[in-house]
N, C-alpha and C. Protein backbone atom coordinates (compact mmCIF):
# COMPACT_ATOMS: atom_id res chain seq x y z
N MET A 1 10.39 -25.66 -8.24
CA MET A 1 11.61 -25.15 -9.68
C MET A 1 11.45 -23.30 -9.11
N VAL A 2 11.34 -22.58 -9.26
CA VAL A 2 10.93 -20.89 -9.19
C VAL A 2 11.19 -20.15 -10.64
N GLY A 3 12.25 -20.40 -10.87
CA GLY A 3 12.63 -20.53 -12.43
C GLY A 3 13.61 -20.94 -13.25
N THR A 4 13.95 -20.52 -14.39
CA THR A 4 15.10 -20.89 -15.41
C THR A 4 15.54 -19.99 -16.00
N ILE A 5 16.78 -19.55 -16.26
CA ILE A 5 16.95 -18.95 -16.56
C ILE A 5 17.86 -19.76 -17.83
N GLN A 6 17.59 -19.33 -19.32
CA GLN A 6 17.58 -19.49 -20.67
C GLN A 6 19.32 -19.11 -21.18
N LYS A 7 19.99 -18.77 -21.53
CA LYS A 7 20.79 -18.51 -22.61
C LYS A 7 20.20 -18.67 -23.92
N GLU A 8 20.42 -17.28 -24.59
CA GLU A 8 20.09 -17.52 -26.36
C GLU A 8 21.42 -16.71 -26.96
N GLU A 9 21.77 -17.10 -27.96
CA GLU A 9 23.13 -16.85 -28.58
C GLU A 9 22.70 -15.89 -30.00
N GLU A 10 22.63 -14.86 -30.44
CA GLU A 10 22.08 -14.70 -31.08
C GLU A 10 23.48 -14.01 -31.92
N SER A 11 23.67 -14.16 -33.56
CA SER A 11 24.39 -13.93 -34.03
C SER A 11 24.80 -11.79 -34.40
N ILE A 12 25.54 -11.48 -34.51
CA ILE A 12 25.38 -10.18 -35.47
C ILE A 12 25.37 -10.13 -37.16
N VAL A 13 24.67 -9.99 -37.51
CA VAL A 13 24.67 -9.67 -39.19
C VAL A 13 25.82 -9.10 -39.75
N ALA A 14 26.38 -8.15 -38.82
CA ALA A 14 27.46 -7.17 -39.72
C ALA A 14 28.54 -8.00 -39.68
N ASP A 15 28.42 -8.57 -38.72
CA ASP A 15 30.31 -9.06 -37.79
C ASP A 15 29.64 -10.51 -37.39
N LYS A 16 29.60 -11.60 -37.92
CA LYS A 16 29.50 -12.86 -37.68
C LYS A 16 30.37 -13.50 -36.74
N THR A 17 31.95 -13.12 -36.97
CA THR A 17 32.55 -13.24 -35.39
C THR A 17 32.36 -13.56 -34.20
N LYS A 18 31.49 -11.84 -33.90
CA LYS A 18 30.42 -11.58 -32.60
C LYS A 18 29.69 -12.71 -32.21
N LYS A 19 29.43 -12.85 -30.89
CA LYS A 19 28.82 -13.58 -30.68
C LYS A 19 27.58 -12.64 -29.66
N ARG A 20 26.80 -12.43 -29.71
CA ARG A 20 25.93 -11.48 -28.47
C ARG A 20 25.02 -12.74 -27.25
N THR A 21 25.12 -12.78 -26.05
CA THR A 21 23.87 -13.69 -25.20
C THR A 21 23.02 -12.83 -24.61
N LYS A 22 21.71 -13.68 -24.89
CA LYS A 22 20.61 -12.58 -23.91
C LYS A 22 20.34 -13.86 -22.77
N GLN A 23 20.34 -13.24 -21.84
CA GLN A 23 19.75 -14.26 -20.66
C GLN A 23 17.96 -13.64 -20.66
N VAL A 24 17.57 -14.90 -20.28
CA VAL A 24 15.45 -15.02 -20.77
C VAL A 24 15.44 -15.85 -19.32
N LEU A 25 14.44 -14.84 -18.40
CA LEU A 25 14.24 -15.33 -17.52
C LEU A 25 12.84 -15.92 -17.18
N PHE A 26 12.49 -17.10 -16.83
CA PHE A 26 10.88 -18.12 -17.28
C PHE A 26 10.95 -18.41 -15.97
N LEU A 27 9.86 -17.52 -15.52
CA LEU A 27 9.03 -17.90 -13.65
C LEU A 27 7.92 -18.74 -13.91
N GLU A 28 7.66 -19.98 -13.35
CA GLU A 28 6.71 -20.46 -13.64
C GLU A 28 5.64 -20.74 -12.76
N ASN A 29 4.10 -20.03 -12.33
CA ASN A 29 2.95 -19.94 -11.92
C ASN A 29 2.79 -20.68 -11.11
N THR A 30 2.74 -20.47 -9.91
CA THR A 30 2.56 -21.27 -8.88
C THR A 30 1.80 -21.11 -8.08
N ASP A 31 1.65 -21.79 -6.69
CA ASP A 31 0.40 -21.98 -5.44
C ASP A 31 0.83 -20.66 -4.89
N ARG A 32 2.10 -20.30 -4.52
CA ARG A 32 3.14 -19.17 -3.71
C ARG A 32 2.57 -19.27 -2.14
N GLU A 33 2.68 -20.51 -1.83
CA GLU A 33 1.81 -20.44 -0.06
C GLU A 33 2.52 -19.13 0.40
N SER A 34 3.77 -19.08 0.42
CA SER A 34 4.38 -18.58 1.71
C SER A 34 4.20 -16.95 1.53
N LEU A 35 2.99 -16.98 -0.07
CA LEU A 35 2.67 -15.16 0.36
C LEU A 35 1.34 -14.71 0.90
N PRO A 36 2.10 -14.03 2.29
CA PRO A 36 1.32 -13.19 2.92
C PRO A 36 -0.39 -12.65 2.38
N ILE A 37 -1.35 -13.09 2.74
CA ILE A 37 -2.82 -12.29 2.48
C ILE A 37 -2.25 -10.91 2.29
N GLU A 38 -1.58 -10.34 3.11
CA GLU A 38 -2.28 -8.84 3.30
C GLU A 38 -0.97 -8.31 2.12
N ILE A 39 0.29 -8.40 1.99
CA ILE A 39 1.03 -8.36 0.63
C ILE A 39 0.14 -8.47 -0.35
N PHE A 40 -0.97 -10.28 -0.24
CA PHE A 40 -1.81 -10.01 -1.54
C PHE A 40 -2.94 -9.46 -2.05
N LEU A 41 -3.54 -8.87 -0.63
CA LEU A 41 -4.74 -8.06 -0.98
C LEU A 41 -4.06 -6.54 -1.03
N TYR A 42 -2.72 -6.03 -0.21
CA TYR A 42 -2.40 -4.82 -0.73
C TYR A 42 -2.23 -4.43 -2.54
N SER A 43 -1.90 -5.55 -3.55
CA SER A 43 -1.64 -5.36 -4.33
C SER A 43 -2.95 -4.65 -5.65
N ILE A 44 -3.66 -5.53 -4.99
CA ILE A 44 -5.29 -5.81 -5.23
C ILE A 44 -5.78 -3.89 -5.01
N LEU A 45 -5.66 -3.44 -4.05
CA LEU A 45 -6.56 -2.43 -3.02
C LEU A 45 -5.06 -1.40 -3.91
N ASP A 46 -4.10 -1.43 -4.22
CA ASP A 46 -3.49 -0.23 -4.58
C ASP A 46 -3.38 -0.19 -5.99
N ASN A 47 -4.01 -1.13 -6.65
CA ASN A 47 -4.09 -1.04 -8.12
C ASN A 47 -5.46 -0.11 -8.28
N THR A 48 -4.93 1.01 -8.86
CA THR A 48 -6.36 1.85 -9.16
C THR A 48 -6.63 1.84 -10.82
N GLY A 49 -6.61 0.57 -10.61
CA GLY A 49 -8.02 0.22 -12.42
C GLY A 49 -9.18 -0.85 -12.07
N TYR A 50 -8.75 -0.97 -10.37
CA TYR A 50 -10.29 -1.75 -9.65
C TYR A 50 -11.12 -1.05 -8.89
N GLY A 51 -12.26 -1.95 -9.32
CA GLY A 51 -13.22 -1.45 -7.67
C GLY A 51 -13.48 -2.32 -7.30
N SER A 52 -14.47 -2.29 -6.54
CA SER A 52 -14.73 -2.68 -5.56
C SER A 52 -15.12 -4.59 -5.97
N SER A 53 -15.61 -4.57 -7.16
CA SER A 53 -15.76 -5.87 -7.71
C SER A 53 -14.58 -6.28 -8.88
N ILE A 54 -14.30 -7.34 -8.87
CA ILE A 54 -12.99 -7.70 -9.60
C ILE A 54 -13.31 -9.07 -10.33
N SER A 55 -13.35 -9.36 -11.57
CA SER A 55 -13.14 -10.55 -11.86
C SER A 55 -12.09 -11.62 -12.03
N LEU A 56 -12.52 -12.78 -11.70
CA LEU A 56 -10.83 -13.63 -11.46
C LEU A 56 -9.67 -13.60 -12.66
N PRO A 57 -10.77 -13.64 -14.33
CA PRO A 57 -9.56 -13.24 -15.17
C PRO A 57 -8.56 -12.11 -15.49
N ALA A 58 -9.29 -11.23 -14.58
CA ALA A 58 -8.59 -9.86 -14.35
C ALA A 58 -7.73 -9.71 -13.26
N LEU A 59 -7.82 -10.15 -12.40
CA LEU A 59 -6.63 -10.59 -11.39
C LEU A 59 -5.61 -11.19 -11.56
N GLU A 60 -6.24 -12.10 -12.89
CA GLU A 60 -5.31 -13.49 -12.50
C GLU A 60 -4.60 -12.89 -14.08
N ASN A 61 -4.82 -12.52 -15.22
CA ASN A 61 -4.12 -11.64 -16.89
C ASN A 61 -3.65 -10.34 -16.17
N ASP A 62 -4.43 -9.25 -15.85
CA ASP A 62 -4.49 -7.59 -16.29
C ASP A 62 -2.73 -6.98 -15.90
N PHE A 63 -2.28 -6.23 -16.34
CA PHE A 63 -1.25 -5.22 -16.35
C PHE A 63 -1.07 -5.73 -14.40
N ASN A 64 -0.20 -5.77 -13.86
CA ASN A 64 -0.07 -5.21 -12.48
C ASN A 64 -1.01 -6.25 -12.01
N SER A 65 -1.80 -7.13 -12.14
CA SER A 65 -2.46 -7.98 -11.26
C SER A 65 -1.91 -8.62 -10.44
N PRO A 66 -2.14 -9.32 -9.35
CA PRO A 66 -1.70 -10.08 -8.44
C PRO A 66 -1.42 -11.52 -9.59
N GLY A 67 -2.08 -11.94 -10.24
CA GLY A 67 -1.52 -13.36 -10.72
C GLY A 67 -0.37 -13.22 -11.39
N ASN A 68 0.00 -12.03 -12.15
CA ASN A 68 1.03 -11.52 -12.84
C ASN A 68 2.30 -10.90 -12.31
N ILE A 69 1.82 -10.29 -10.99
CA ILE A 69 3.38 -9.35 -10.22
C ILE A 69 4.02 -10.95 -9.06
N PHE A 70 3.09 -11.66 -8.92
CA PHE A 70 3.50 -13.06 -8.14
C PHE A 70 3.64 -13.91 -8.92
N ALA A 71 3.24 -14.19 -10.11
CA ALA A 71 3.25 -15.46 -10.54
C ALA A 71 2.33 -16.46 -10.17
N LEU A 72 1.76 -16.26 -9.81
CA LEU A 72 0.59 -16.79 -9.22
C LEU A 72 -0.45 -17.63 -10.35
N SER A 73 -0.42 -18.91 -10.78
CA SER A 73 -0.88 -20.27 -10.80
C SER A 73 -2.81 -19.92 -10.74
N LYS A 74 -3.55 -19.78 -11.61
CA LYS A 74 -5.14 -20.05 -11.13
C LYS A 74 -5.22 -20.71 -9.98
N THR A 75 -4.98 -21.16 -9.61
CA THR A 75 -5.51 -22.62 -8.31
C THR A 75 -4.77 -21.67 -7.40
N GLY A 76 -3.34 -21.07 -7.33
CA GLY A 76 -3.03 -20.49 -6.14
C GLY A 76 -3.81 -18.87 -5.90
N LEU A 77 -4.13 -18.77 -6.75
CA LEU A 77 -5.19 -17.09 -6.77
C LEU A 77 -6.25 -17.46 -6.60
N VAL A 78 -7.60 -18.15 -6.78
CA VAL A 78 -8.59 -18.79 -6.34
C VAL A 78 -7.79 -19.25 -4.72
N THR A 79 -6.76 -19.81 -4.33
CA THR A 79 -7.05 -20.19 -3.03
C THR A 79 -6.49 -19.21 -2.29
N LYS A 80 -5.82 -17.60 -2.66
CA LYS A 80 -5.22 -16.42 -2.01
C LYS A 80 -6.67 -16.04 -1.51
N ILE A 81 -7.69 -15.66 -2.50
CA ILE A 81 -8.51 -15.06 -2.62
C ILE A 81 -9.25 -16.06 -1.44
N GLN A 82 -9.65 -17.49 -1.64
CA GLN A 82 -10.18 -17.51 -0.92
C GLN A 82 -9.22 -17.19 1.22
N GLU A 83 -8.85 -17.88 1.30
CA GLU A 83 -7.78 -17.46 2.39
C GLU A 83 -8.47 -15.99 3.44
N ALA A 84 -7.89 -14.91 2.45
CA ALA A 84 -8.43 -13.03 2.44
C ALA A 84 -9.41 -13.46 2.60
N GLN A 85 -10.55 -13.92 2.16
CA GLN A 85 -12.47 -14.05 2.43
C GLN A 85 -12.55 -15.02 3.86
N GLU A 86 -11.87 -15.61 4.16
CA GLU A 86 -11.95 -16.65 5.58
C GLU A 86 -11.28 -15.46 6.47
N LYS A 87 -10.42 -14.99 6.47
CA LYS A 87 -9.42 -14.10 7.22
C LYS A 87 -9.91 -13.20 7.78
N TYR A 88 -11.13 -12.11 6.46
CA TYR A 88 -11.29 -10.61 6.51
C TYR A 88 -13.08 -10.73 6.11
N PRO A 89 -13.50 -11.39 6.88
CA PRO A 89 -15.48 -12.09 6.26
C PRO A 89 -16.01 -10.63 6.06
N ASN A 90 -15.78 -9.85 7.10
CA ASN A 90 -16.74 -9.10 6.84
C ASN A 90 -16.20 -7.94 5.71
N GLU A 91 -15.38 -7.67 5.20
CA GLU A 91 -14.77 -6.87 4.03
C GLU A 91 -14.53 -8.03 2.68
N ILE A 92 -14.45 -9.46 2.58
CA ILE A 92 -14.37 -9.64 1.45
C ILE A 92 -15.04 -10.63 0.71
N ILE A 93 -15.61 -10.97 -0.37
CA ILE A 93 -17.13 -11.55 -0.56
C ILE A 93 -16.45 -12.75 -2.27
N TYR A 94 -16.57 -14.08 -1.86
CA TYR A 94 -15.91 -13.92 -3.31
C TYR A 94 -17.42 -15.20 -3.81
N THR A 95 -17.59 -14.91 -5.06
CA THR A 95 -18.32 -15.42 -5.42
C THR A 95 -18.45 -16.52 -6.89
N ASP A 96 -18.73 -17.77 -6.64
CA ASP A 96 -18.59 -17.93 -8.08
C ASP A 96 -20.49 -18.25 -8.84
N HIS A 97 -20.72 -17.28 -9.56
CA HIS A 97 -22.21 -18.17 -9.71
C HIS A 97 -22.05 -18.04 -11.70
N ALA A 98 -22.42 -19.27 -11.46
CA ALA A 98 -22.99 -19.54 -13.25
C ALA A 98 -21.77 -19.67 -14.25
N GLY A 99 -20.26 -19.85 -13.69
CA GLY A 99 -19.02 -19.70 -13.88
C GLY A 99 -17.95 -18.34 -14.07
N ILE A 100 -18.71 -17.30 -13.30
CA ILE A 100 -18.21 -15.92 -12.93
C ILE A 100 -17.74 -15.90 -12.04
N LYS A 101 -16.36 -15.90 -12.00
CA LYS A 101 -15.78 -15.80 -10.49
C LYS A 101 -15.31 -14.62 -9.93
N GLU A 102 -15.53 -14.02 -8.90
CA GLU A 102 -16.16 -12.49 -9.03
C GLU A 102 -15.19 -11.74 -7.49
N LEU A 103 -14.35 -11.66 -7.23
CA LEU A 103 -13.58 -10.78 -5.34
C LEU A 103 -14.24 -9.38 -5.80
N GLN A 104 -15.59 -9.15 -4.56
CA GLN A 104 -15.72 -8.44 -4.26
C GLN A 104 -15.88 -7.67 -2.32
N PHE A 105 -15.41 -6.52 -2.43
CA PHE A 105 -15.02 -5.77 -1.16
C PHE A 105 -15.74 -5.05 -0.63
N LYS A 106 -17.23 -5.03 0.00
CA LYS A 106 -17.75 -4.95 0.70
C LYS A 106 -17.57 -3.18 1.43
N ARG A 107 -16.62 -3.06 1.51
CA ARG A 107 -16.37 -1.25 1.66
C ARG A 107 -14.82 -1.13 1.49
N LYS A 108 -14.33 -0.07 1.31
CA LYS A 108 -13.14 0.42 0.82
C LYS A 108 -12.03 0.16 1.64
N ILE A 109 -11.63 -0.35 1.35
CA ILE A 109 -10.48 -0.63 2.29
C ILE A 109 -9.05 0.47 2.04
N ASP A 110 -8.44 0.56 2.62
CA ASP A 110 -7.00 1.60 2.63
C ASP A 110 -6.14 0.47 2.37
N PRO A 111 -5.16 0.74 0.95
CA PRO A 111 -4.25 -0.44 1.02
C PRO A 111 -2.73 -0.25 2.30
N ILE A 112 -2.92 0.81 2.50
CA ILE A 112 -1.61 1.49 3.40
C ILE A 112 -2.27 0.77 4.43
N GLU A 113 -3.23 0.57 5.60
CA GLU A 113 -4.07 -0.32 6.24
C GLU A 113 -3.68 -1.44 6.38
N MET A 114 -4.02 -2.29 5.08
CA MET A 114 -3.56 -3.86 4.89
C MET A 114 -2.25 -4.15 5.13
N LEU A 115 -1.02 -3.19 4.79
CA LEU A 115 0.51 -3.25 4.78
C LEU A 115 0.64 -3.03 6.29
N THR A 116 0.18 -1.86 7.28
CA THR A 116 0.69 -1.93 8.32
C THR A 116 0.03 -3.11 9.08
N SER A 117 -0.58 -3.32 8.72
CA SER A 117 -1.65 -4.67 9.78
C SER A 117 -1.02 -6.30 9.10
N TYR A 118 0.10 -5.97 8.48
CA TYR A 118 1.20 -7.01 7.89
C TYR A 118 2.07 -6.77 9.06
N TYR A 119 2.80 -6.13 8.57
CA TYR A 119 4.05 -5.24 9.69
C TYR A 119 3.93 -4.97 10.56
N GLU A 120 3.24 -4.74 11.56
CA GLU A 120 3.00 -4.44 12.77
C GLU A 120 2.62 -5.82 13.75
N LYS A 121 3.07 -7.59 12.62
CA LYS A 121 2.77 -8.57 13.93
C LYS A 121 3.38 -8.56 14.16
């Protein structure tokens, strides 16, 4: 299930005969196997808050992080990072030392270059 919509009814205090309905969308965090690696990497490379070394919790929870943008589960996020490392071994390193999980870029990659590589396939 990608998401669910839940309707909530709230009564207006001044006029109890009127009800206001609010829809709330809940997205389930999943692996997102269909998410292209280049689009995933673009979301990281285009984020000015990130440098050449980014912790897994930051990628999972930060504002405008790929974990939040694409509603990725932690497992899905790690899988995407590992796929990116396999596809771009000269540019990307993923380390997990003493419980500290980190994505590192060996060189500065242009975000637009990453998008172009995807859309020119």
